[in-house]
Amino acid sequence: MTIAHHSSHAQRGTGEGTENYAKAIYHLQQRGDGPVNTGAIAERVGVTPASASAMVRRMAEEGLVAHAPYHGVRLTGRGEEVALEVLRH
């Protein structure tokens, strides 16, 4: 079962951490109208705000989120696809 789980990451081209963040951002976006702040992401994932900010920057570089410092984060279409794929499995 673990092997299949890892191959699903490879198929999507994302790691488990990225997928967890995408899922968290997706859930937070569903609860509000605007962009999600990194503090809320950190709380949802269970990490420090600095760790969440670092992952958000990485996800922005990968085209999974649109991030404007001090204005929040939104999943891009690709990021939403990743989140929904994780939620389905």
C-alpha atoms as a PDB file:
ATOM      1  CA  MET A   1       0.000   0.000   0.000  1.00  0.00           C
ATOM      2  CA  THR A   2       2.829   2.414   0.775  1.00  0.00           C
ATOM      3  CA  ILE A   3       4.335   1.822  -2.649  1.00  0.00           C
ATOM      4  CA  ALA A   4       1.095   2.808  -4.373  1.00  0.00           C
ATOM      5  CA  HIS A   5       0.892   5.883  -2.169  1.00  0.00           C
ATOM      6  CA  HIS A   6       4.364   6.991  -3.206  1.00  0.00           C
ATOM      7  CA  SER A   7       3.692   6.335  -6.869  1.00  0.00           C
ATOM      8  CA  SER A   8       0.629   8.584  -6.670  1.00  0.00           C
ATOM      9  CA  HIS A   9       2.949  11.404  -5.570  1.00  0.00           C
ATOM     10  CA  ALA A  10       5.183  10.688  -8.532  1.00  0.00           C
ATOM     11  CA  GLN A  11       2.229  10.707 -10.919  1.00  0.00           C
ATOM     12  CA  ARG A  12       1.172  14.141  -9.675  1.00  0.00           C
ATOM     13  CA  GLY A  13       4.750  15.378  -9.477  1.00  0.00           C
ATOM     14  CA  THR A  14       4.273  16.539  -5.888  1.00  0.00           C
ATOM     15  CA  GLY A  15       5.498  15.457  -2.483  1.00  0.00           C
ATOM     16  CA  GLU A  16       3.379  14.522   0.492  1.00  0.00           C
ATOM     17  CA  GLY A  17       4.137  17.806   2.276  1.00  0.00           C
ATOM     18  CA  THR A  18       3.034  19.842  -0.715  1.00  0.00           C
ATOM     19  CA  GLU A  19      -0.129  17.778  -0.965  1.00  0.00           C
ATOM     20  CA  ASN A  20      -0.919  18.308   2.729  1.00  0.00           C
ATOM     21  CA  TYR A  21      -0.529  22.067   2.322  1.00  0.00           C
ATOM     22  CA  ALA A  22      -2.647  22.104  -0.846  1.00  0.00           C
ATOM     23  CA  LYS A  23      -5.381  20.211   0.989  1.00  0.00           C
ATOM     24  CA  ALA A  24      -5.191  22.591   3.979  1.00  0.00           C
ATOM     25  CA  ILE A  25      -5.338  25.679   1.765  1.00  0.00           C
ATOM     26  CA  TYR A  26      -8.267  24.195  -0.142  1.00  0.00           C
ATOM     27  CA  HIS A  27     -10.231  23.623   3.080  1.00  0.00           C
ATOM     28  CA  LEU A  28      -9.421  27.103   4.379  1.00  0.00           C
ATOM     29  CA  GLN A  29     -10.442  28.700   1.062  1.00  0.00           C
ATOM     30  CA  GLN A  30     -13.790  26.915   1.257  1.00  0.00           C
ATOM     31  CA  ARG A  31     -14.483  28.518   4.643  1.00  0.00           C
ATOM     32  CA  GLY A  32     -13.744  32.096   3.605  1.00  0.00           C
ATOM     33  CA  ASP A  33     -14.096  34.500   0.723  1.00  0.00           C
ATOM     34  CA  GLY A  34     -10.596  35.854   0.333  1.00  0.00           C
ATOM     35  CA  PRO A  35      -7.029  34.634   0.289  1.00  0.00           C
ATOM     36  CA  VAL A  36      -5.808  32.459   3.161  1.00  0.00           C
ATOM     37  CA  ASN A  37      -3.160  33.844   5.509  1.00  0.00           C
ATOM     38  CA  THR A  38      -0.072  31.785   6.309  1.00  0.00           C
ATOM     39  CA  GLY A  39      -0.874  31.814  10.027  1.00  0.00           C
ATOM     40  CA  ALA A  40      -4.098  29.919   9.369  1.00  0.00           C
ATOM     41  CA  ILE A  41      -2.231  27.476   7.121  1.00  0.00           C
ATOM     42  CA  ALA A  42       0.413  26.929   9.812  1.00  0.00           C
ATOM     43  CA  GLU A  43      -2.245  26.241  12.427  1.00  0.00           C
ATOM     44  CA  ARG A  44      -4.122  23.819  10.167  1.00  0.00           C
ATOM     45  CA  VAL A  45      -0.975  21.878   9.203  1.00  0.00           C
ATOM     46  CA  GLY A  46       0.545  22.029  12.694  1.00  0.00           C
ATOM     47  CA  VAL A  47       3.773  23.875  11.895  1.00  0.00           C
ATOM     48  CA  THR A  48       5.284  27.257  12.693  1.00  0.00           C
ATOM     49  CA  PRO A  49       4.294  30.267  10.598  1.00  0.00           C
ATOM     50  CA  ALA A  50       7.884  30.429   9.291  1.00  0.00           C
ATOM     51  CA  SER A  51       7.653  26.826   8.053  1.00  0.00           C
ATOM     52  CA  ALA A  52       4.311  27.535   6.408  1.00  0.00           C
ATOM     53  CA  SER A  53       5.733  30.626   4.701  1.00  0.00           C
ATOM     54  CA  ALA A  54       8.669  28.635   3.345  1.00  0.00           C
ATOM     55  CA  MET A  55       6.357  25.973   1.917  1.00  0.00           C
ATOM     56  CA  VAL A  56       4.045  28.612   0.423  1.00  0.00           C
ATOM     57  CA  ARG A  57       7.033  30.188  -1.357  1.00  0.00           C
ATOM     58  CA  ARG A  58       8.034  26.771  -2.706  1.00  0.00           C
ATOM     59  CA  MET A  59       4.470  26.080  -3.851  1.00  0.00           C
ATOM     60  CA  ALA A  60       4.362  29.495  -5.566  1.00  0.00           C
ATOM     61  CA  GLU A  61       7.565  28.630  -7.434  1.00  0.00           C
ATOM     62  CA  GLU A  62       5.901  25.383  -8.561  1.00  0.00           C
ATOM     63  CA  GLY A  63       2.815  27.267  -9.757  1.00  0.00           C
ATOM     64  CA  LEU A  64       0.489  25.697  -7.171  1.00  0.00           C
ATOM     65  CA  VAL A  65      -0.444  28.903  -5.347  1.00  0.00           C
ATOM     66  CA  ALA A  66      -0.672  32.609  -6.038  1.00  0.00           C
ATOM     67  CA  HIS A  67       0.966  34.386  -3.114  1.00  0.00           C
ATOM     68  CA  ALA A  68       1.189  38.077  -2.376  1.00  0.00           C
ATOM     69  CA  PRO A  69       3.170  38.722   0.821  1.00  0.00           C
ATOM     70  CA  TYR A  70       0.929  40.161   3.549  1.00  0.00           C
ATOM     71  CA  HIS A  71      -2.134  39.599   1.344  1.00  0.00           C
ATOM     72  CA  GLY A  72      -2.526  35.831   1.532  1.00  0.00           C
ATOM     73  CA  VAL A  73      -2.493  32.739  -0.603  1.00  0.00           C
ATOM     74  CA  ARG A  74      -4.867  31.196  -3.136  1.00  0.00           C
ATOM     75  CA  LEU A  75      -4.553  27.877  -4.904  1.00  0.00           C
ATOM     76  CA  THR A  76      -4.055  28.133  -8.646  1.00  0.00           C
ATOM     77  CA  GLY A  77      -5.988  25.826 -10.939  1.00  0.00           C
ATOM     78  CA  ARG A  78      -3.114  23.349 -10.783  1.00  0.00           C
ATOM     79  CA  GLY A  79      -2.948  23.627  -6.991  1.00  0.00           C
ATOM     80  CA  GLU A  80      -6.661  22.985  -6.697  1.00  0.00           C
ATOM     81  CA  GLU A  81      -6.282  19.895  -8.903  1.00  0.00           C
ATOM     82  CA  VAL A  82      -3.616  18.559  -6.534  1.00  0.00           C
ATOM     83  CA  ALA A  83      -5.797  19.238  -3.484  1.00  0.00           C
ATOM     84  CA  LEU A  84      -8.844  17.582  -5.010  1.00  0.00           C
ATOM     85  CA  GLU A  85      -6.832  14.549  -6.119  1.00  0.00           C
ATOM     86  CA  VAL A  86      -5.515  14.108  -2.563  1.00  0.00           C
ATOM     87  CA  LEU A  87      -9.011  14.466  -1.137  1.00  0.00           C
ATOM     88  CA  ARG A  88     -10.315  11.758  -3.483  1.00  0.00           C
ATOM     89  CA  HIS A  89      -7.783   9.202  -2.246  1.00  0.00           C
END
